[in-house]
Amino acid sequence: MPAVLPLPEPSSRRADPRVAHREQSKLAKRLRRQVGQAIADFGMIEAGDKVMVCLSGGKDSYTMLDVLLQLQRKAPVPFELVAVNLDQKQPGFPEHVLPDYLSSIGVPFHIIEQDTYSVVSRVVPEGKTMCSLCSRMRRGALYAYAAEHGFTKIALGHHRDDMVATFFLNLFHHAKLSGMPPKLLSDDGRHVVIRPLAYVREADIVEYAAARQFPIIPCNLCGSQENLQRKQVGLMLRQWERESPGRIETIARALGDIRPSQLADPKLFDFLGLGHREGAARADAHAWLAGTPHEDEPPTSA
C-alpha cells in the first residue's frame, strides 16, 4: 500500500525557526504574486466563475489550491473554488487522504470514481508507457464532470518547468513549436482550461509544499516508469540549469515573446508578400524544381 509521503524538510527550518518563518513568508508572497499575475495576464478567472480545481494529491495541485484559496479571500472579483479528484482505482490508493485533508480546511470537494487503472493496465503492452492513454481517460472524466456540474473553468497544476519541458518534447519528438499554454479552449470548445502556476518554478513548489506539509500521495501508475521522454527532457533541463543558472527562466520568457517573422512558418507570416513587387509574376515550386526557363526569356546559350 503506497504511503503518504512527507516532502523533505527545508534546511532553513532546521537551522533557525525565525529565519525559516521569514523565508516561508517571502515564498508564499512570491507565489501569490506570480499566480495573481498569471491570472491577470491571461484573464484566467472572471467574476462569477465556478472553478474546478483538479487535485491529484501531488505537490503541484496542493500548492495551486492553497494559493488560489489565499487569493480568493482578497480577490477583486467573486469566484467559487471546488476541489475535484479522480480516483482511478489504483491498487492500494489511500482513499481517505484527500477527503480528510479537504474537510479539515473546509473546501468543497468531490471525488470521481472511475477505474481507468484496469483499462490502462489491460490495453497498454507491458514495458510501454501509460501516460498518453491515462491522461486522455483522465481528461475525459474531468471534462464530463465539469460539463455536468456547470464549471466555467478547469484549473490544472502544471507549472513553469512543465511548460518548458512540453515545448522541448514537441520540438524533439513532434517537429513542431508548441507547448502547454497558460489558458486554452478544449478541442470540443466546451471547456476553458487554466494553469495558474504558469509563472511558478518547480523548485519553489517543492519548498512550499514541504513547508506546508501537504499529505503527498505518490502516483504508482506512471510515476514509476523510468524511461519516459518527459523525464529525459527534465534531466536535460536540470543539467542546463546547473551549468547556466537562469536558463529555464529565459526559455520560459521566450515562450511569451514569439516573433513569427523570425521563424519559418508561412501560415503565421506572409513571406510570399514580403518584398513582392506589384505586377511581378511568381513561379510556383513545381516551376522552380522543373528548371524550365520562362517563355518570355530566351534560352541561355551554351
Protein backbone atom coordinates (compact mmCIF):
# COMPACT_ATOMS: atom_id res chain seq x y z
CA MET A 1 0.00 0.00 0.00
CA PRO A 2 1.54 3.33 -1.02
CA ALA A 3 2.33 5.57 1.89
CA VAL A 4 1.54 9.24 2.12
CA LEU A 5 4.95 10.79 1.71
CA PRO A 6 6.12 13.92 3.55
CA LEU A 7 8.38 16.07 1.40
CA PRO A 8 11.94 16.71 2.63
CA GLU A 9 12.11 19.33 5.32
CA PRO A 10 13.75 22.55 4.09
CA SER A 11 17.19 23.05 5.61
CA SER A 12 16.19 26.59 6.64
CA ARG A 13 13.58 25.20 9.02
CA ARG A 14 16.16 23.11 10.83
CA ALA A 15 18.56 26.00 11.22
CA ASP A 16 16.60 28.88 12.77
CA PRO A 17 12.80 28.96 13.13
CA ARG A 18 12.68 32.75 12.81
CA VAL A 19 14.69 32.75 9.61
CA ALA A 20 12.61 29.85 8.32
CA HIS A 21 9.38 31.73 9.02
CA ARG A 22 10.63 34.81 7.16
CA GLU A 23 11.72 32.73 4.19
CA GLN A 24 8.41 30.87 4.08
CA SER A 25 6.50 34.15 4.22
CA LYS A 26 8.58 35.52 1.35
CA LEU A 27 8.00 32.36 -0.66
CA ALA A 28 4.23 32.44 -0.06
CA LYS A 29 4.11 36.08 -1.07
CA ARG A 30 6.10 35.35 -4.25
CA LEU A 31 3.76 32.52 -5.22
CA ARG A 32 0.68 34.66 -4.61
CA ARG A 33 2.18 37.42 -6.75
CA GLN A 34 3.11 35.05 -9.58
CA VAL A 35 -0.24 33.28 -9.60
CA GLY A 36 -2.12 36.59 -9.39
CA GLN A 37 -0.03 37.96 -12.26
CA ALA A 38 -0.75 34.92 -14.42
CA ILE A 39 -4.48 35.18 -13.68
CA ALA A 40 -4.44 38.86 -14.69
CA ASP A 41 -2.21 38.43 -17.77
CA PHE A 42 -4.32 35.69 -19.31
CA GLY A 43 -7.76 36.51 -17.93
CA MET A 44 -7.94 33.15 -16.20
CA ILE A 45 -10.66 33.96 -13.66
CA GLU A 46 -13.62 36.32 -14.04
CA ALA A 47 -16.43 37.44 -11.77
CA GLY A 48 -18.87 34.63 -11.09
CA ASP A 49 -16.58 31.83 -12.27
CA LYS A 50 -17.03 28.36 -10.83
CA VAL A 51 -13.53 26.89 -10.92
CA MET A 52 -12.90 23.17 -10.79
CA VAL A 53 -9.51 22.74 -9.12
CA CYS A 54 -8.15 19.37 -10.24
CA LEU A 55 -6.43 17.84 -7.22
CA SER A 56 -4.24 14.79 -7.75
CA GLY A 57 -2.61 14.59 -4.34
CA GLY A 58 0.75 15.76 -5.67
CA LYS A 59 2.74 18.82 -4.63
CA ASP A 60 1.69 20.90 -7.65
CA SER A 61 -2.08 20.61 -7.28
CA TYR A 62 -1.92 21.06 -3.49
CA THR A 63 0.07 24.25 -3.98
CA MET A 64 -2.30 25.52 -6.67
CA LEU A 65 -5.35 25.01 -4.45
CA ASP A 66 -3.64 26.57 -1.44
CA VAL A 67 -2.55 29.72 -3.30
CA LEU A 68 -5.93 30.11 -5.04
CA LEU A 69 -7.67 29.94 -1.66
CA GLN A 70 -5.40 32.72 -0.35
CA LEU A 71 -6.07 34.88 -3.40
CA GLN A 72 -9.80 34.22 -3.24
CA ARG A 73 -10.05 35.95 0.15
CA LYS A 74 -8.83 39.27 -1.27
CA ALA A 75 -9.68 38.87 -4.94
CA PRO A 76 -11.15 41.89 -6.80
CA VAL A 77 -13.89 39.62 -8.22
CA PRO A 78 -16.02 36.91 -6.56
CA PHE A 79 -15.47 33.32 -7.73
CA GLU A 80 -16.05 29.80 -6.45
CA LEU A 81 -13.47 27.04 -5.94
CA VAL A 82 -14.33 23.33 -5.81
CA ALA A 83 -11.62 20.68 -5.50
CA VAL A 84 -12.17 17.59 -7.66
CA ASN A 85 -10.12 14.40 -7.56
CA LEU A 86 -10.30 11.46 -9.93
CA ASP A 87 -9.89 8.19 -8.04
CA GLN A 88 -8.50 5.92 -10.78
CA LYS A 89 -8.71 2.83 -8.56
CA GLN A 90 -5.01 2.16 -8.40
CA PRO A 91 -4.32 -0.75 -6.06
CA GLY A 92 -3.58 0.49 -2.54
CA PHE A 93 -4.56 4.09 -3.24
CA PRO A 94 -5.15 5.80 0.16
CA GLU A 95 -8.72 6.95 -0.47
CA HIS A 96 -9.07 8.73 2.87
CA VAL A 97 -6.20 11.21 2.44
CA LEU A 98 -7.77 13.83 0.17
CA PRO A 99 -11.25 13.81 1.75
CA ASP A 100 -9.70 14.14 5.21
CA TYR A 101 -7.44 16.99 4.13
CA LEU A 102 -10.12 18.91 2.23
CA SER A 103 -12.63 18.51 5.03
CA SER A 104 -10.06 19.80 7.52
CA ILE A 105 -9.57 23.05 5.58
CA GLY A 106 -13.25 23.50 4.75
CA VAL A 107 -13.01 23.27 0.96
CA PRO A 108 -15.98 21.88 -1.01
CA PHE A 109 -14.87 18.83 -2.98
CA HIS A 110 -15.96 15.83 -4.97
CA ILE A 111 -14.23 12.51 -5.66
CA ILE A 112 -14.92 11.00 -9.10
CA GLU A 113 -14.54 7.22 -9.06
CA GLN A 114 -13.56 5.67 -12.38
CA ASP A 115 -11.45 2.56 -12.83
CA THR A 116 -9.09 3.82 -15.51
CA TYR A 117 -6.24 1.85 -13.93
CA SER A 118 -7.62 -1.52 -15.05
CA VAL A 119 -8.28 -0.24 -18.56
CA VAL A 120 -4.81 1.24 -18.98
CA SER A 121 -3.11 -1.81 -17.47
CA ARG A 122 -5.04 -4.13 -19.82
CA VAL A 123 -4.65 -2.11 -23.02
CA VAL A 124 -1.06 -0.84 -22.80
CA PRO A 125 1.54 -3.56 -23.58
CA GLU A 126 3.98 -4.42 -20.80
CA GLY A 127 7.01 -2.16 -20.86
CA LYS A 128 5.21 0.66 -22.70
CA THR A 129 4.46 3.98 -21.01
CA MET A 130 0.90 4.51 -19.85
CA CYS A 131 0.84 8.32 -19.76
CA SER A 132 -0.85 9.05 -23.08
CA LEU A 133 -3.88 6.78 -22.63
CA CYS A 134 -4.11 7.52 -18.92
CA SER A 135 -4.15 11.28 -19.46
CA ARG A 136 -6.79 11.02 -22.21
CA MET A 137 -9.08 8.99 -20.00
CA ARG A 138 -8.47 11.26 -17.02
CA ARG A 139 -9.17 14.34 -19.11
CA GLY A 140 -12.38 12.81 -20.45
CA ALA A 141 -13.66 12.04 -16.94
CA LEU A 142 -12.84 15.52 -15.64
CA TYR A 143 -14.35 17.28 -18.66
CA ALA A 144 -17.55 15.25 -18.37
CA TYR A 145 -17.89 16.12 -14.68
CA ALA A 146 -17.21 19.81 -15.38
CA ALA A 147 -19.94 19.89 -18.04
CA GLU A 148 -22.46 18.13 -15.81
CA HIS A 149 -21.92 20.49 -12.87
CA GLY A 150 -21.65 23.88 -14.53
CA PHE A 151 -17.97 24.65 -14.03
CA THR A 152 -16.79 27.60 -16.09
CA LYS A 153 -13.04 26.99 -15.69
CA ILE A 154 -10.88 23.90 -15.11
CA ALA A 155 -7.66 24.60 -13.21
CA LEU A 156 -4.66 22.30 -13.67
CA GLY A 157 -1.47 22.32 -11.62
CA HIS A 158 1.15 22.49 -14.38
CA HIS A 159 3.97 24.92 -13.55
CA ARG A 160 6.57 26.88 -15.49
CA ASP A 161 9.00 23.96 -15.75
CA ASP A 162 6.24 21.67 -17.10
CA MET A 163 5.52 24.22 -19.81
CA VAL A 164 9.18 24.48 -20.83
CA ALA A 165 9.54 20.68 -20.85
CA THR A 166 6.45 20.30 -23.05
CA PHE A 167 7.91 22.78 -25.55
CA PHE A 168 11.04 20.64 -25.91
CA LEU A 169 9.05 17.40 -26.07
CA ASN A 170 7.09 18.77 -29.03
CA LEU A 171 10.26 20.14 -30.61
CA PHE A 172 12.26 16.91 -30.28
CA HIS A 173 9.56 14.31 -30.86
CA HIS A 174 6.83 16.00 -32.91
CA ALA A 175 8.79 18.55 -35.01
CA LYS A 176 6.63 21.49 -34.00
CA LEU A 177 6.99 24.65 -31.95
CA SER A 178 4.13 24.33 -29.50
CA GLY A 179 3.75 23.90 -25.79
CA MET A 180 1.41 23.95 -22.85
CA PRO A 181 -0.41 27.32 -22.85
CA PRO A 182 -1.48 29.05 -19.63
CA LYS A 183 -5.06 29.09 -20.90
CA LEU A 184 -6.74 27.05 -23.60
CA LEU A 185 -10.07 26.04 -25.06
CA SER A 186 -10.71 22.30 -25.14
CA ASP A 187 -10.91 20.61 -28.54
CA ASP A 188 -14.68 20.38 -28.35
CA GLY A 189 -14.94 24.08 -27.46
CA ARG A 190 -16.86 23.39 -24.24
CA HIS A 191 -14.21 23.98 -21.57
CA VAL A 192 -11.69 26.67 -20.68
CA VAL A 193 -8.60 25.18 -19.03
CA ILE A 194 -6.31 27.39 -16.95
CA ARG A 195 -2.88 26.85 -15.44
CA PRO A 196 -2.49 29.34 -12.56
CA LEU A 197 1.06 28.11 -11.77
CA ALA A 198 2.32 29.12 -15.24
CA TYR A 199 4.90 31.54 -13.76
CA VAL A 200 5.94 29.39 -10.78
CA ARG A 201 9.20 27.44 -10.59
CA GLU A 202 9.02 23.78 -9.62
CA ALA A 203 11.76 24.31 -7.03
CA ASP A 204 9.58 26.88 -5.27
CA ILE A 205 6.66 24.46 -5.27
CA VAL A 206 8.81 21.75 -3.68
CA GLU A 207 9.90 24.17 -0.96
CA TYR A 208 6.39 25.48 -0.40
CA ALA A 209 4.77 22.02 -0.27
CA ALA A 210 7.35 20.87 2.27
CA ALA A 211 6.80 23.94 4.45
CA ARG A 212 3.03 23.50 4.31
CA GLN A 213 3.36 19.76 4.98
CA PHE A 214 0.82 18.69 2.41
CA PRO A 215 -0.08 14.96 2.59
CA ILE A 216 1.54 13.94 -0.70
CA ILE A 217 0.18 10.85 -2.45
CA PRO A 218 2.67 9.25 -4.89
CA CYS A 219 1.50 8.14 -8.35
CA ASN A 220 2.38 4.48 -8.79
CA LEU A 221 0.75 4.16 -12.19
CA CYS A 222 3.03 6.25 -14.39
CA GLY A 223 5.35 7.95 -11.91
CA SER A 224 7.39 4.77 -11.53
CA GLN A 225 8.12 4.39 -15.24
CA GLU A 226 11.72 5.42 -15.69
CA ASN A 227 12.12 5.82 -19.45
CA LEU A 228 9.51 8.47 -20.07
CA GLN A 229 10.51 11.09 -22.62
CA ARG A 230 9.42 13.82 -20.20
CA LYS A 231 11.87 12.53 -17.60
CA GLN A 232 14.68 12.65 -20.12
CA VAL A 233 13.83 16.24 -21.02
CA GLY A 234 13.67 17.07 -17.31
CA LEU A 235 17.16 15.71 -16.79
CA MET A 236 18.41 17.82 -19.71
CA LEU A 237 16.82 20.99 -18.31
CA ARG A 238 18.19 20.42 -14.83
CA GLN A 239 21.69 19.94 -16.26
CA TRP A 240 21.33 23.16 -18.24
CA GLU A 241 20.20 24.97 -15.11
CA ARG A 242 23.19 23.69 -13.14
CA GLU A 243 25.59 24.79 -15.86
CA SER A 244 23.84 28.09 -16.62
CA PRO A 245 21.57 29.23 -13.76
CA GLY A 246 18.56 31.14 -15.04
CA ARG A 247 18.39 29.37 -18.40
CA ILE A 248 14.94 27.84 -17.77
CA GLU A 249 13.57 31.26 -16.81
CA THR A 250 14.97 32.71 -20.03
CA ILE A 251 13.35 29.95 -22.09
CA ALA A 252 10.04 30.45 -20.27
CA ARG A 253 10.11 34.18 -21.07
CA ALA A 254 10.88 33.37 -24.71
CA LEU A 255 7.67 31.34 -24.94
CA GLY A 256 5.81 34.59 -24.35
CA ASP A 257 7.76 36.62 -26.90
CA ILE A 258 7.17 34.98 -30.28
CA ARG A 259 8.48 36.63 -33.46
CA PRO A 260 6.75 34.93 -36.43
CA SER A 261 8.79 36.89 -38.98
CA GLN A 262 11.96 35.44 -37.47
CA LEU A 263 10.82 31.82 -37.84
CA ALA A 264 9.75 29.91 -40.97
CA ASP A 265 6.01 29.27 -40.84
CA PRO A 266 4.25 30.82 -43.88
CA LYS A 267 0.91 30.29 -42.13
CA LEU A 268 1.91 32.79 -39.42
CA PHE A 269 3.78 35.32 -41.55
CA ASP A 270 3.31 36.42 -45.16
CA PHE A 271 6.75 35.60 -46.53
CA LEU A 272 5.36 35.47 -50.09
CA GLY A 273 4.15 39.05 -49.81
CA LEU A 274 7.35 40.32 -48.19
CA GLY A 275 9.19 42.47 -50.75
CA HIS A 276 6.91 41.38 -53.58
CA ARG A 277 6.82 43.89 -56.45
CA GLU A 278 3.35 44.72 -57.70
CA GLY A 279 2.69 43.07 -61.04
CA ALA A 280 5.74 40.79 -60.86
CA ALA A 281 4.98 37.19 -61.83
CA ARG A 282 5.56 34.42 -59.30
CA ALA A 283 6.65 30.91 -60.19
CA ASP A 284 5.44 28.03 -58.02
CA ALA A 285 7.59 25.30 -56.53
CA HIS A 286 6.96 22.96 -59.47
CA ALA A 287 8.31 25.51 -61.94
CA TRP A 288 11.40 26.13 -59.86
CA LEU A 289 12.14 22.44 -59.47
CA ALA A 290 11.43 21.61 -63.13
CA GLY A 291 14.09 24.05 -64.26
CA THR A 292 12.09 25.17 -67.33
CA PRO A 293 13.03 28.70 -68.48
CA HIS A 294 10.23 31.27 -68.55
CA GLU A 295 8.68 31.53 -72.02
CA ASP A 296 9.39 35.26 -72.22
CA GLU A 297 13.10 34.71 -71.61
CA PRO A 298 15.38 33.47 -74.40
CA PRO A 299 17.25 30.28 -73.51
CA THR A 300 20.79 30.81 -72.31
CA SER A 301 23.38 29.97 -74.98
CA ALA A 302 25.88 27.29 -74.16
